[in-house]
C-alpha cells in the first residue's frame, strides 16, 4: 500500500520535471518494485525524447525525490 502511494508520487514528480517543466518527453513511465525475499529493489524509468536531450533529462529524473 505504501509502495503504491510512493509510485504514484514518484511518477507525478517525474512527469512534472521531465514532461511539463523541461518539455522533454511526451510520456513518462516509472515503477518501483521491492522483493523482500531477495532483498532487491528495482526501478524502471521509461520516457521517449530526442536523443540529444537524453543526458539532460536523465539528470532531471535523478534529481526527483518522489
PDB file of N, CA and C in Angstrom:
ATOM      1  N   UNK A   1       0.820  -1.191   0.000  1.00  0.00           N
ATOM      2  CA  UNK A   1       0.000   0.000   0.000  1.00  0.00           C
ATOM      3  C   UNK A   1       0.871   1.266   0.000  1.00  0.00           C
ATOM      4  N   UNK A   2       1.843   1.335   0.881  1.00  0.00           N
ATOM      5  CA  UNK A   2       2.732   2.498   0.925  1.00  0.00           C
ATOM      6  C   UNK A   2       3.563   2.591  -0.353  1.00  0.00           C
ATOM      7  N   UNK A   3       3.975   1.428  -0.878  1.00  0.00           N
ATOM      8  CA  UNK A   3       4.757   1.414  -2.114  1.00  0.00           C
ATOM      9  C   UNK A   3       3.922   1.944  -3.275  1.00  0.00           C
ATOM     10  N   UNK A   4       2.657   1.601  -3.319  1.00  0.00           N
ATOM     11  CA  UNK A   4       1.779   2.118  -4.375  1.00  0.00           C
ATOM     12  C   UNK A   4       1.676   3.637  -4.304  1.00  0.00           C
ATOM     13  N   UNK A   5       1.523   4.162  -3.112  1.00  0.00           N
ATOM     14  CA  UNK A   5       1.443   5.616  -2.939  1.00  0.00           C
ATOM     15  C   UNK A   5       2.755   6.276  -3.357  1.00  0.00           C
ATOM     16  N   UNK A   6       3.863   5.652  -3.002  1.00  0.00           N
ATOM     17  CA  UNK A   6       5.165   6.194  -3.399  1.00  0.00           C
ATOM     18  C   UNK A   6       5.298   6.188  -4.918  1.00  0.00           C
ATOM     19  N   UNK A   7       4.886   5.110  -5.566  1.00  0.00           N
ATOM     20  CA  UNK A   7       4.947   5.020  -7.027  1.00  0.00           C
ATOM     21  C   UNK A   7       4.130   6.119  -7.689  1.00  0.00           C
ATOM     22  N   UNK A   8       2.954   6.407  -7.162  1.00  0.00           N
ATOM     23  CA  UNK A   8       2.112   7.466  -7.715  1.00  0.00           C
ATOM     24  C   UNK A   8       2.810   8.819  -7.576  1.00  0.00           C
ATOM     25  N   UNK A   9       3.357   9.094  -6.384  1.00  0.00           N
ATOM     26  CA  UNK A   9       4.043  10.369  -6.147  1.00  0.00           C
ATOM     27  C   UNK A   9       5.285  10.502  -7.021  1.00  0.00           C
ATOM     28  N   UNK A  10       6.052   9.436  -7.137  1.00  0.00           N
ATOM     29  CA  UNK A  10       7.266   9.456  -7.953  1.00  0.00           C
ATOM     30  C   UNK A  10       6.934   9.684  -9.421  1.00  0.00           C
ATOM     31  N   UNK A  11       5.944   8.978  -9.931  1.00  0.00           N
ATOM     32  CA  UNK A  11       5.551   9.139 -11.334  1.00  0.00           C
ATOM     33  C   UNK A  11       5.073  10.567 -11.597  1.00  0.00           C
ATOM     34  N   UNK A  12       4.331  11.134 -10.653  1.00  0.00           N
ATOM     35  CA  UNK A  12       3.849  12.512 -10.816  1.00  0.00           C
ATOM     36  C   UNK A  12       5.024  13.491 -10.863  1.00  0.00           C
ATOM     37  N   UNK A  13       5.962  13.347  -9.925  1.00  0.00           N
ATOM     38  CA  UNK A  13       7.119  14.248  -9.890  1.00  0.00           C
ATOM     39  C   UNK A  13       7.972  14.113 -11.145  1.00  0.00           C
ATOM     40  N   UNK A  14       8.167  12.904 -11.627  1.00  0.00           N
ATOM     41  CA  UNK A  14       8.935  12.694 -12.851  1.00  0.00           C
ATOM     42  C   UNK A  14       8.231  13.323 -14.050  1.00  0.00           C
ATOM     43  N   UNK A  15       6.922  13.145 -14.122  1.00  0.00           N
ATOM     44  CA  UNK A  15       6.143  13.738 -15.217  1.00  0.00           C
ATOM     45  C   UNK A  15       6.256  15.260 -15.189  1.00  0.00           C
ATOM     46  N   UNK A  16       6.137  15.833 -14.014  1.00  0.00           N
ATOM     47  CA  UNK A  16       6.228  17.296 -13.899  1.00  0.00           C
ATOM     48  C   UNK A  16       7.615  17.776 -14.331  1.00  0.00           C
ATOM     49  N   UNK A  17       8.666  17.134 -13.832  1.00  0.00           N
ATOM     50  CA  UNK A  17      10.037  17.570 -14.150  1.00  0.00           C
ATOM     51  C   UNK A  17      10.396  17.358 -15.619  1.00  0.00           C
ATOM     52  N   UNK A  18      10.153  16.167 -16.121  1.00  0.00           N
ATOM     53  CA  UNK A  18      10.625  15.810 -17.464  1.00  0.00           C
ATOM     54  C   UNK A  18       9.682  16.293 -18.556  1.00  0.00           C
ATOM     55  N   UNK A  19       8.396  16.114 -18.343  1.00  0.00           N
ATOM     56  CA  UNK A  19       7.442  16.448 -19.405  1.00  0.00           C
ATOM     57  C   UNK A  19       6.988  17.899 -19.353  1.00  0.00           C
ATOM     58  N   UNK A  20       6.545  18.335 -18.188  1.00  0.00           N
ATOM     59  CA  UNK A  20       5.921  19.654 -18.113  1.00  0.00           C
ATOM     60  C   UNK A  20       6.925  20.794 -17.975  1.00  0.00           C
ATOM     61  N   UNK A  21       7.881  20.679 -17.069  1.00  0.00           N
ATOM     62  CA  UNK A  21       8.827  21.773 -16.855  1.00  0.00           C
ATOM     63  C   UNK A  21       9.895  21.831 -17.948  1.00  0.00           C
ATOM     64  N   UNK A  22      10.456  20.680 -18.308  1.00  0.00           N
ATOM     65  CA  UNK A  22      11.541  20.653 -19.290  1.00  0.00           C
ATOM     66  C   UNK A  22      11.029  20.479 -20.717  1.00  0.00           C
ATOM     67  N   UNK A  23       9.740  20.180 -20.872  1.00  0.00           N
ATOM     68  CA  UNK A  23       9.157  19.903 -22.196  1.00  0.00           C
ATOM     69  C   UNK A  23      10.017  18.902 -22.957  1.00  0.00           C
ATOM     70  N   UNK A  24      10.424  17.842 -22.224  1.00  0.00           N
ATOM     71  CA  UNK A  24      11.383  16.917 -22.791  1.00  0.00           C
ATOM     72  C   UNK A  24      10.833  15.606 -23.304  1.00  0.00           C
ATOM     73  N   UNK A  25       9.612  15.233 -22.879  1.00  0.00           N
ATOM     74  CA  UNK A  25       9.077  13.936 -23.278  1.00  0.00           C
ATOM     75  C   UNK A  25       7.560  14.010 -23.364  1.00  0.00           C
ATOM     76  N   UNK A  26       6.993  13.206 -24.234  1.00  0.00           N
ATOM     77  CA  UNK A  26       5.543  13.167 -24.363  1.00  0.00           C
ATOM     78  C   UNK A  26       4.936  12.391 -23.201  1.00  0.00           C
ATOM     79  N   UNK A  27       5.567  11.278 -22.826  1.00  0.00           N
ATOM     80  CA  UNK A  27       5.071  10.483 -21.707  1.00  0.00           C
ATOM     81  C   UNK A  27       6.253   9.988 -20.876  1.00  0.00           C
ATOM     82  N   UNK A  28       5.971   9.771 -19.613  1.00  0.00           N
ATOM     83  CA  UNK A  28       6.981   9.285 -18.675  1.00  0.00           C
ATOM     84  C   UNK A  28       6.357   8.150 -17.888  1.00  0.00           C
ATOM     85  N   UNK A  29       7.081   7.057 -17.751  1.00  0.00           N
ATOM     86  CA  UNK A  29       6.612   5.906 -17.004  1.00  0.00           C
ATOM     87  C   UNK A  29       7.640   5.544 -15.944  1.00  0.00           C
ATOM     88  N   UNK A  30       7.160   5.209 -14.750  1.00  0.00           N
ATOM     89  CA  UNK A  30       8.060   4.870 -13.657  1.00  0.00           C
ATOM     90  C   UNK A  30       7.411   3.808 -12.787  1.00  0.00           C
ATOM     91  N   UNK A  31       8.217   2.844 -12.342  1.00  0.00           N
ATOM     92  CA  UNK A  31       7.698   1.793 -11.457  1.00  0.00           C
ATOM     93  C   UNK A  31       8.807   1.309 -10.545  1.00  0.00           C
ATOM     94  N   UNK A  32       8.570   1.418  -9.242  1.00  0.00           N
ATOM     95  CA  UNK A  32       9.499   0.919  -8.231  1.00  0.00           C
ATOM     96  C   UNK A  32       8.946  -0.397  -7.702  1.00  0.00           C
ATOM     97  N   UNK A  33       9.797  -1.420  -7.619  1.00  0.00           N
ATOM     98  CA  UNK A  33       9.385  -2.726  -7.121  1.00  0.00           C
ATOM     99  C   UNK A  33      10.323  -3.180  -6.015  1.00  0.00           C
ATOM    100  N   UNK A  34       9.751  -3.879  -5.032  1.00  0.00           N
ATOM    101  CA  UNK A  34      10.540  -4.396  -3.918  1.00  0.00           C
ATOM    102  C   UNK A  34      10.274  -5.891  -3.800  1.00  0.00           C
ATOM    103  N   UNK A  35      11.349  -6.670  -3.686  1.00  0.00           N
ATOM    104  CA  UNK A  35      11.251  -8.101  -3.444  1.00  0.00           C
ATOM    105  C   UNK A  35      11.948  -8.383  -2.115  1.00  0.00           C
ATOM    106  N   UNK A  36      11.173  -8.444  -1.007  1.00  0.00           N
ATOM    107  CA  UNK A  36      11.793  -8.618   0.309  1.00  0.00           C
ATOM    108  C   UNK A  36      12.561  -9.932   0.461  1.00  0.00           C
ATOM    109  N   UNK A  37      12.100 -10.996  -0.184  1.00  0.00           N
ATOM    110  CA  UNK A  37      12.785 -12.282  -0.070  1.00  0.00           C
ATOM    111  C   UNK A  37      14.167 -12.231  -0.697  1.00  0.00           C
ATOM    112  N   UNK A  38      14.285 -11.562  -1.824  1.00  0.00           N
ATOM    113  CA  UNK A  38      15.578 -11.457  -2.499  1.00  0.00           C
ATOM    114  C   UNK A  38      16.362 -10.234  -2.026  1.00  0.00           C
ATOM    115  N   UNK A  39      15.729  -9.453  -1.136  1.00  0.00           N
ATOM    116  CA  UNK A  39      16.343  -8.202  -0.670  1.00  0.00           C
ATOM    117  C   UNK A  39      16.758  -7.346  -1.868  1.00  0.00           C
ATOM    118  N   UNK A  40      15.782  -7.171  -2.768  1.00  0.00           N
ATOM    119  CA  UNK A  40      16.054  -6.492  -4.033  1.00  0.00           C
ATOM    120  C   UNK A  40      15.054  -5.359  -4.249  1.00  0.00           C
ATOM    121  N   UNK A  41      15.555  -4.238  -4.706  1.00  0.00           N
ATOM    122  CA  UNK A  41      14.723  -3.105  -5.098  1.00  0.00           C
ATOM    123  C   UNK A  41      15.085  -2.761  -6.539  1.00  0.00           C
ATOM    124  N   UNK A  42      14.071  -2.567  -7.370  1.00  0.00           N
ATOM    125  CA  UNK A  42      14.347  -2.177  -8.752  1.00  0.00           C
ATOM    126  C   UNK A  42      13.456  -0.997  -9.129  1.00  0.00           C
ATOM    127  N   UNK A  43      13.981  -0.185 -10.032  1.00  0.00           N
ATOM    128  CA  UNK A  43      13.234   0.970 -10.516  1.00  0.00           C
ATOM    129  C   UNK A  43      13.321   0.993 -12.033  1.00  0.00           C
ATOM    130  N   UNK A  44      12.180   1.025 -12.662  1.00  0.00           N
ATOM    131  CA  UNK A  44      12.098   1.136 -14.118  1.00  0.00           C
ATOM    132  C   UNK A  44      11.623   2.542 -14.458  1.00  0.00           C
ATOM    133  N   UNK A  45      12.402   3.241 -15.250  1.00  0.00           N
ATOM    134  CA  UNK A  45      12.050   4.568 -15.719  1.00  0.00           C
ATOM    135  C   UNK A  45      12.101   4.536 -17.242  1.00  0.00           C
ATOM    136  N   UNK A  46      11.026   4.972 -17.866  1.00  0.00           N
ATOM    137  CA  UNK A  46      10.989   4.993 -19.325  1.00  0.00           C
ATOM    138  C   UNK A  46      10.388   6.297 -19.806  1.00  0.00           C
ATOM    139  N   UNK A  47      11.021   6.885 -20.800  1.00  0.00           N
ATOM    140  CA  UNK A  47      10.480   8.050 -21.470  1.00  0.00           C
ATOM    141  C   UNK A  47      11.109   8.140 -22.850  1.00  0.00           C
ATOM    142  N   UNK A  48      10.382   8.742 -23.763  1.00  0.00           N
ATOM    143  CA  UNK A  48      10.923   8.953 -25.103  1.00  0.00           C
ATOM    144  C   UNK A  48      11.291  10.420 -25.234  1.00  0.00           C
ATOM    145  N   UNK A  49      12.404  10.660 -25.906  1.00  0.00           N
ATOM    146  CA  UNK A  49      12.860  12.039 -26.077  1.00  0.00           C
ATOM    147  C   UNK A  49      13.791  12.105 -27.287  1.00  0.00           C
ATOM    148  N   UNK A  50      14.150  13.319 -27.633  1.00  0.00           N
ATOM    149  CA  UNK A  50      15.147  13.496 -28.676  1.00  0.00           C
ATOM    150  C   UNK A  50      16.484  12.983 -28.130  1.00  0.00           C
ATOM    151  N   UNK A  51      17.246  12.247 -28.927  1.00  0.00           N
ATOM    152  CA  UNK A  51      18.495  11.671 -28.444  1.00  0.00           C
ATOM    153  C   UNK A  51      19.450  12.682 -27.806  1.00  0.00           C
ATOM    154  N   UNK A  52      19.490  13.883 -28.352  1.00  0.00           N
ATOM    155  CA  UNK A  52      20.409  14.885 -27.816  1.00  0.00           C
ATOM    156  C   UNK A  52      19.996  15.403 -26.433  1.00  0.00           C
ATOM    157  N   UNK A  53      18.767  15.100 -26.003  1.00  0.00           N
ATOM    158  CA  UNK A  53      18.301  15.547 -24.681  1.00  0.00           C
ATOM    159  C   UNK A  53      18.345  14.446 -23.632  1.00  0.00           C
ATOM    160  N   UNK A  54      18.760  13.251 -24.028  1.00  0.00           N
ATOM    161  CA  UNK A  54      18.766  12.102 -23.123  1.00  0.00           C
ATOM    162  C   UNK A  54      19.493  12.379 -21.815  1.00  0.00           C
ATOM    163  N   UNK A  55      20.743  12.811 -21.879  1.00  0.00           N
ATOM    164  CA  UNK A  55      21.538  13.032 -20.668  1.00  0.00           C
ATOM    165  C   UNK A  55      20.930  14.107 -19.777  1.00  0.00           C
ATOM    166  N   UNK A  56      20.473  15.187 -20.388  1.00  0.00           N
ATOM    167  CA  UNK A  56      19.846  16.283 -19.641  1.00  0.00           C
ATOM    168  C   UNK A  56      18.618  15.793 -18.875  1.00  0.00           C
ATOM    169  N   UNK A  57      17.754  15.033 -19.541  1.00  0.00           N
ATOM    170  CA  UNK A  57      16.517  14.575 -18.920  1.00  0.00           C
ATOM    171  C   UNK A  57      16.769  13.480 -17.897  1.00  0.00           C
ATOM    172  N   UNK A  58      17.750  12.654 -18.136  1.00  0.00           N
ATOM    173  CA  UNK A  58      18.105  11.634 -17.151  1.00  0.00           C
ATOM    174  C   UNK A  58      18.634  12.290 -15.881  1.00  0.00           C
ATOM    175  N   UNK A  59      19.395  13.345 -16.022  1.00  0.00           N
ATOM    176  CA  UNK A  59      19.868  14.099 -14.861  1.00  0.00           C
ATOM    177  C   UNK A  59      18.685  14.664 -14.077  1.00  0.00           C
ATOM    178  N   UNK A  60      17.695  15.225 -14.774  1.00  0.00           N
ATOM    179  CA  UNK A  60      16.493  15.727 -14.107  1.00  0.00           C
ATOM    180  C   UNK A  60      15.761  14.611 -13.370  1.00  0.00           C
ATOM    181  N   UNK A  61      15.659  13.454 -13.996  1.00  0.00           N
ATOM    182  CA  UNK A  61      14.981  12.322 -13.370  1.00  0.00           C
ATOM    183  C   UNK A  61      15.702  11.898 -12.092  1.00  0.00           C
ATOM    184  N   UNK A  62      17.013  11.915 -12.112  1.00  0.00           N
ATOM    185  CA  UNK A  62      17.784  11.506 -10.932  1.00  0.00           C
ATOM    186  C   UNK A  62      17.684  12.506  -9.788  1.00  0.00           C
ATOM    187  N   UNK A  63      17.216  13.715 -10.066  1.00  0.00           N
ATOM    188  CA  UNK A  63      17.059  14.734  -9.032  1.00  0.00           C
ATOM    189  C   UNK A  63      15.707  14.654  -8.324  1.00  0.00           C
ATOM    190  N   UNK A  64      14.796  13.839  -8.820  1.00  0.00           N
ATOM    191  CA  UNK A  64      13.464  13.714  -8.228  1.00  0.00           C
ATOM    192  C   UNK A  64      13.541  12.879  -6.963  1.00  0.00           C
ATOM    193  N   UNK A  65      12.880  13.364  -5.905  1.00  0.00           N
ATOM    194  CA  UNK A  65      12.876  12.667  -4.621  1.00  0.00           C
ATOM    195  C   UNK A  65      11.691  11.723  -4.455  1.00  0.00           C
ATOM    196  N   UNK A  66      10.608  12.000  -5.157  1.00  0.00           N
ATOM    197  CA  UNK A  66       9.424  11.169  -5.028  1.00  0.00           C
ATOM    198  C   UNK A  66       8.575  11.476  -3.836  1.00  0.00           C
TER     199      UNK A  66
END
